[in-house]
Structure formats: C-alpha cells, structure tokens
Protein backbone atom coordinates (compact mmCIF):
# COMPACT_ATOMS: atom_id res chain seq x y z
CA MET A 1 -30.36 45.65 -48.67
CA SER A 2 -29.75 43.04 -45.97
CA GLU A 3 -32.62 40.90 -44.78
CA VAL A 4 -33.81 41.18 -41.19
CA LYS A 5 -33.69 37.79 -39.55
CA THR A 6 -36.94 36.80 -37.87
CA ALA A 7 -36.65 34.89 -34.61
CA THR A 8 -38.06 31.38 -34.69
CA LYS A 9 -40.74 30.26 -32.24
CA ALA A 10 -38.13 28.18 -30.43
CA GLU A 11 -35.85 31.22 -30.05
CA VAL A 12 -38.72 33.32 -28.74
CA ALA A 13 -39.68 30.55 -26.32
CA TYR A 14 -36.07 30.27 -25.17
CA GLU A 15 -35.85 33.97 -24.31
CA LEU A 16 -39.24 34.02 -22.56
CA VAL A 17 -38.64 30.89 -20.47
CA ARG A 18 -35.09 31.94 -19.67
CA ASP A 19 -36.37 35.27 -18.34
CA GLN A 20 -38.88 33.44 -16.14
CA LEU A 21 -36.15 31.17 -14.81
CA LEU A 22 -33.78 34.02 -13.99
CA ARG A 23 -36.57 36.08 -12.40
CA GLY A 24 -37.54 33.14 -10.21
CA ASP A 25 -41.05 32.94 -11.68
CA LEU A 26 -40.31 29.26 -12.34
CA VAL A 27 -39.30 28.05 -8.89
CA PRO A 28 -36.05 26.05 -8.54
CA GLY A 29 -36.85 22.34 -8.18
CA SER A 30 -40.38 22.67 -9.54
CA VAL A 31 -41.80 20.61 -12.40
CA ILE A 32 -42.44 22.59 -15.58
CA GLN A 33 -45.99 22.01 -16.76
CA GLN A 34 -45.14 22.13 -20.45
CA ALA A 35 -48.66 22.16 -21.89
CA ALA A 36 -49.72 24.99 -19.59
CA LEU A 37 -46.51 26.94 -20.17
CA ALA A 38 -46.79 26.58 -23.95
CA ARG A 39 -50.36 27.80 -23.75
CA ASP A 40 -49.31 30.81 -21.68
CA LEU A 41 -46.57 31.64 -24.20
CA GLY A 42 -48.93 31.21 -27.15
CA ILE A 43 -46.90 28.47 -28.82
CA SER A 44 -47.05 24.71 -29.30
CA THR A 45 -45.09 22.29 -27.14
CA THR A 46 -42.64 21.51 -29.98
CA PRO A 47 -40.75 24.85 -29.96
CA LEU A 48 -41.04 24.93 -26.17
CA ARG A 49 -39.37 21.52 -26.01
CA GLU A 50 -36.56 22.79 -28.24
CA ALA A 51 -36.13 25.80 -25.97
CA LEU A 52 -35.99 23.57 -22.89
CA ARG A 53 -33.26 21.43 -24.47
CA ARG A 54 -31.22 24.57 -25.04
CA LEU A 55 -31.79 25.69 -21.45
CA MET A 56 -30.67 22.25 -20.28
CA THR A 57 -27.25 22.83 -21.89
CA GLU A 58 -27.00 25.99 -19.77
CA GLY A 59 -27.79 24.08 -16.58
CA LEU A 60 -31.06 25.90 -15.95
CA VAL A 61 -33.42 23.00 -16.73
CA GLU A 62 -33.30 19.23 -16.24
CA LEU A 63 -34.92 16.83 -18.73
CA ASP A 64 -35.36 13.11 -18.22
CA ALA A 65 -36.04 10.19 -20.54
CA HIS A 66 -39.80 10.50 -19.97
CA ARG A 67 -39.75 14.05 -21.39
CA ASP A 68 -40.46 15.55 -17.97
CA ALA A 69 -38.85 18.91 -17.30
CA ARG A 70 -37.82 20.40 -13.97
CA VAL A 71 -36.20 23.68 -12.98
CA THR A 72 -32.66 23.00 -11.80
CA ARG A 73 -32.36 23.26 -8.03
CA LEU A 74 -30.12 25.79 -6.32
CA THR A 75 -27.29 24.03 -4.53
CA ALA A 76 -24.55 25.08 -2.14
CA GLU A 77 -22.02 23.31 -4.36
CA GLU A 78 -22.90 25.26 -7.51
CA ALA A 79 -23.09 28.53 -5.58
CA ARG A 80 -19.62 27.82 -4.16
CA ASP A 81 -18.26 26.89 -7.59
CA LEU A 82 -19.53 30.15 -9.07
CA VAL A 83 -17.94 32.25 -6.34
CA GLU A 84 -14.64 30.37 -6.60
CA ILE A 85 -14.44 30.98 -10.35
CA ARG A 86 -15.45 34.61 -10.00
CA ARG A 87 -12.79 35.15 -7.30
CA SER A 88 -10.22 34.43 -10.00
CA LEU A 89 -11.79 35.84 -13.15
CA ASP A 90 -13.47 39.06 -11.96
CA PRO A 91 -10.28 40.51 -10.43
CA LEU A 92 -8.39 39.48 -13.57
CA ALA A 93 -10.91 41.37 -15.72
CA ALA A 94 -10.75 44.45 -13.49
CA GLY A 95 -6.95 44.46 -13.51
CA LEU A 96 -6.81 44.12 -17.29
CA ALA A 97 -9.45 46.84 -17.65
CA ALA A 98 -7.23 49.24 -15.69
CA GLU A 99 -4.34 48.44 -18.04
CA ARG A 100 -6.21 48.39 -21.37
CA ARG A 101 -9.31 50.59 -21.10
CA THR A 102 -9.85 53.14 -23.82
CA ARG A 103 -11.53 56.51 -23.40
CA GLN A 104 -14.75 54.95 -24.74
CA ASP A 105 -14.46 52.08 -22.25
CA LEU A 106 -14.05 54.48 -19.36
CA ASP A 107 -17.01 56.58 -20.50
CA ARG A 108 -19.13 53.42 -20.59
CA ILE A 109 -17.98 52.30 -17.14
CA ARG A 110 -18.83 55.69 -15.65
CA GLU A 111 -22.15 55.84 -17.47
CA THR A 112 -23.25 52.44 -16.15
CA ALA A 113 -21.97 53.28 -12.65
CA ASP A 114 -24.20 56.36 -12.60
CA LYS A 115 -27.24 54.19 -13.40
CA LEU A 116 -26.66 51.59 -10.66
CA LEU A 117 -29.71 50.90 -8.52
CA PRO A 118 -29.44 49.45 -4.99
CA LEU A 119 -30.52 45.82 -4.82
CA ARG A 120 -33.05 45.06 -2.12
CA ALA A 121 -35.43 42.14 -1.61
CA ASP A 122 -37.26 40.98 -4.76
CA PRO A 123 -35.54 43.35 -7.21
CA ALA A 124 -37.05 44.17 -10.58
CA THR A 125 -35.30 42.79 -13.64
CA ALA A 126 -34.22 46.34 -14.54
CA GLU A 127 -32.49 46.74 -11.16
CA LEU A 128 -30.47 43.56 -11.65
CA ALA A 129 -29.71 44.66 -15.20
CA THR A 130 -27.98 47.86 -14.05
CA HIS A 131 -25.45 45.82 -12.08
CA ARG A 132 -24.85 43.47 -14.97
CA GLN A 133 -24.30 46.40 -17.33
CA PHE A 134 -21.73 47.91 -14.96
CA HIS A 135 -19.78 44.67 -14.64
CA VAL A 136 -20.01 43.95 -18.37
CA ALA A 137 -18.55 47.39 -19.04
CA ILE A 138 -15.57 46.44 -16.88
CA TYR A 139 -15.26 43.00 -18.46
CA THR A 140 -15.39 44.53 -21.95
CA ALA A 141 -12.64 47.00 -21.06
CA SER A 142 -10.31 44.03 -20.43
CA HIS A 143 -10.24 43.49 -24.21
CA ASN A 144 -10.03 39.74 -23.65
CA GLN A 145 -12.99 38.32 -25.56
CA LEU A 146 -12.77 34.81 -24.10
CA LEU A 147 -12.76 36.24 -20.59
CA VAL A 148 -15.76 38.46 -21.41
CA GLN A 149 -17.74 35.50 -22.80
CA THR A 150 -16.90 33.29 -19.81
CA LEU A 151 -17.92 35.88 -17.23
CA ASP A 152 -21.10 36.72 -19.15
CA GLY A 153 -22.12 33.05 -19.03
CA LEU A 154 -21.39 32.85 -15.30
CA TRP A 155 -23.57 35.90 -14.67
CA ASP A 156 -26.66 34.11 -15.98
CA LYS A 157 -26.24 31.25 -13.52
CA ALA A 158 -25.35 33.57 -10.65
CA ASP A 159 -28.49 35.72 -11.00
CA ARG A 160 -30.67 32.98 -9.49
CA TYR A 161 -28.39 32.87 -6.44
CA ARG A 162 -28.43 36.64 -6.13
CA ARG A 163 -32.22 36.56 -5.89
CA LEU A 164 -32.01 33.86 -3.22
CA ALA A 165 -29.61 35.93 -1.11
CA LEU A 166 -31.79 39.02 -1.47
CA GLU A 167 -34.68 37.18 0.19
CA ASP A 168 -32.91 37.82 3.51
CA GLY A 169 -32.83 41.56 2.80
CA ARG A 170 -29.87 43.93 2.96
CA THR A 171 -28.84 46.49 5.53
CA GLU A 172 -27.97 50.09 4.71
CA GLU A 173 -24.40 49.17 5.67
CA ASP A 174 -24.40 46.47 2.97
CA LEU A 175 -25.69 48.92 0.37
CA ASP A 176 -23.17 51.61 1.37
CA ARG A 177 -20.28 49.15 1.19
CA THR A 178 -21.31 47.92 -2.24
CA HIS A 179 -21.67 51.49 -3.49
CA ALA A 180 -18.22 52.39 -2.16
CA GLU A 181 -16.71 49.35 -3.87
CA HIS A 182 -18.25 50.34 -7.20
CA LEU A 183 -16.83 53.85 -6.92
CA ALA A 184 -13.41 52.53 -5.92
CA MET A 185 -13.35 50.23 -8.95
CA VAL A 186 -14.17 53.11 -11.28
CA ASP A 187 -11.45 55.26 -9.73
CA ALA A 188 -8.81 52.50 -9.90
CA ILE A 189 -9.60 51.67 -13.52
CA ALA A 190 -9.58 55.34 -14.47
CA ALA A 191 -6.19 55.75 -12.76
CA GLY A 192 -4.77 52.72 -14.54
CA ASP A 193 -4.12 51.06 -11.16
CA SER A 194 -4.53 47.37 -11.97
CA THR A 195 -3.45 46.15 -8.52
CA THR A 196 -6.07 48.19 -6.68
CA ALA A 197 -8.76 47.45 -9.26
CA ALA A 198 -8.19 43.70 -8.86
CA ALA A 199 -8.08 43.93 -5.05
CA VAL A 200 -11.32 45.91 -4.84
CA MET A 201 -13.02 43.49 -7.20
CA LEU A 202 -11.89 40.51 -5.11
CA ALA A 203 -13.32 42.10 -1.96
CA HIS A 204 -16.49 42.83 -3.92
CA VAL A 205 -16.89 39.16 -4.89
CA ASP A 206 -16.12 37.96 -1.35
CA ALA A 207 -18.93 40.13 0.05
CA SER A 208 -21.26 39.53 -2.89
CA LEU A 209 -24.79 38.19 -2.93
CA GLY A 210 -23.36 35.02 -4.44
CA ALA A 211 -21.17 34.53 -1.39
CA ARG A 212 -24.17 35.11 0.87
CA ALA A 213 -26.09 32.49 -1.09
CA VAL A 214 -23.29 29.98 -0.44
CA ALA A 215 -23.55 30.61 3.30
CA ARG A 216 -27.35 30.34 3.28
CA LEU A 217 -27.47 27.11 1.27
CA THR A 218 -24.62 25.53 3.23
CA SER A 219 -26.40 26.32 6.49
CA ALA A 220 -29.69 24.93 5.18
CA ALA A 221 -28.00 21.71 4.05
CA ALA A 222 -26.39 21.24 7.45
CA GLN A 223 -29.58 21.68 9.49
CA PRO A 224 -31.09 18.22 8.83
CA VAL A 225 -27.78 16.66 9.87
CA ALA A 226 -27.72 18.73 13.04
CA ARG A 227 -31.28 17.72 13.90
CA SER A 228 -30.43 14.09 13.24
CA LEU A 229 -27.39 14.25 15.50
CA ARG A 230 -29.44 15.82 18.28
CA GLY A 231 -31.90 12.94 17.98
CA ILE A 232 -29.13 10.39 18.24
CA ARG A 233 -27.65 12.08 21.28
CA GLY A 234 -31.09 12.27 22.87
CA ALA A 235 -31.62 8.53 22.37
CA ARG A 236 -28.36 7.79 24.16
CA THR A 237 -29.17 9.72 27.31
C-alpha cells in the first residue's frame, strides 16, 4: 500500500499565498507584512519565508537583502510580453489540437466549454477557473507536453492582468464575441481544421483581457509624461 504524502507547511503556505496573489487580495506593489500574514495562515514565518522564495522564482514576489517582501507590480512591459508570447503559442496549441485531438480530448474540450462562465468585474476564482480549464483542455489536446507546461505557467502570470482589465468592466458585445470565439474554436478543433483553429485563437488573444491590460497600463504610464509636457509648454507661453 502506497503512502499518502503529506504537504509540508511551506507547501501549504505557498498554495495559500499564491491564491491570494492571483486573486488580488495581496495588492500589486504592496509590502507583505510577513508576521501578520503568517499569523493569519496559522504558521510560523519560517515556512512562509520558504514559500515566498518559491513565489519569487515565479515572478510573483520580490525579496530584498533585508528580508523585506513585496508583491510584484503589474507593468505594461510584462503584460505586453505575455500577450506577445501567447500570440505565438496559443494558436500553435489550437492548431495542433485540431490535428491530434482524440475522442477523449474532444469530449473534455466540449465539457469545459459548456461550463464557461462570463467574466465580469471582480470575478470569483471559480469563474476564472472555468476559462483556464477550457484552454488547458485545448492545450492538452495538442499532445505537446512542453507546450502545455509553458502555457500553463504563462496563465498564472496572466491572471493578475486579467483581473486588472476586468476592473473597467465588459460590455455585452465583449461577452458575446468571446462566447462566439470559444464556440468557433470547439467547432474548428472538432472538424480537424487546424488553420481555422489557429486563426480563431489568435483573434481571441488579440482581443483578450491581457491585451486590454496592456492598453490600460501603457496609457497609465504615458499620462505623467503627457502632464509634464503640458507643463513645459505652458511655461514657454
């Protein structure tokens, strides 16, 4: 009889803190009060520190030489990088899924598509999870394990940017378009049409919440410069 592995305190802390980071409960750019957080989690600061080091390797937390911890800020550059990578890899996964999917893969894709929930402002974790499950079903159907692992890792980082974009709300037109894209992907993969599956996925990424986050953060970064330039022009008149 095989032994059931018990999670260590550091592993439990990692999962709990990671969930808080991805939900936005720990605000990007904020200092992590480690003593208070450890107390809330019911652990000592030692396993929490180990968890934070692991989260640092994932780019979700920053640690300095003084043992201070801070939630990694959201930046236009990282948001852009994520979209650029996904513009290449997501369509690749969808195209391969259309070529390689098995009957079980297709059943899973359809099952997760039926459970999709529309994403509005401040979505619950379960609502975000339905979209991840749908995309993971497509990634898995590519039968390229390295591609699946890469895209799964990107999804974790991208969730924080999705939440940022959702703060602006979504129109019914946005929701209808996203729903239509999901259905079109399922149909293309079921038909074995890799070209259409890849094209629909590319359009899906281009109109994604991640892409909206890029626009929002880029605009926010440019505003101080614009105000500064207006001040300079005003001084010259």
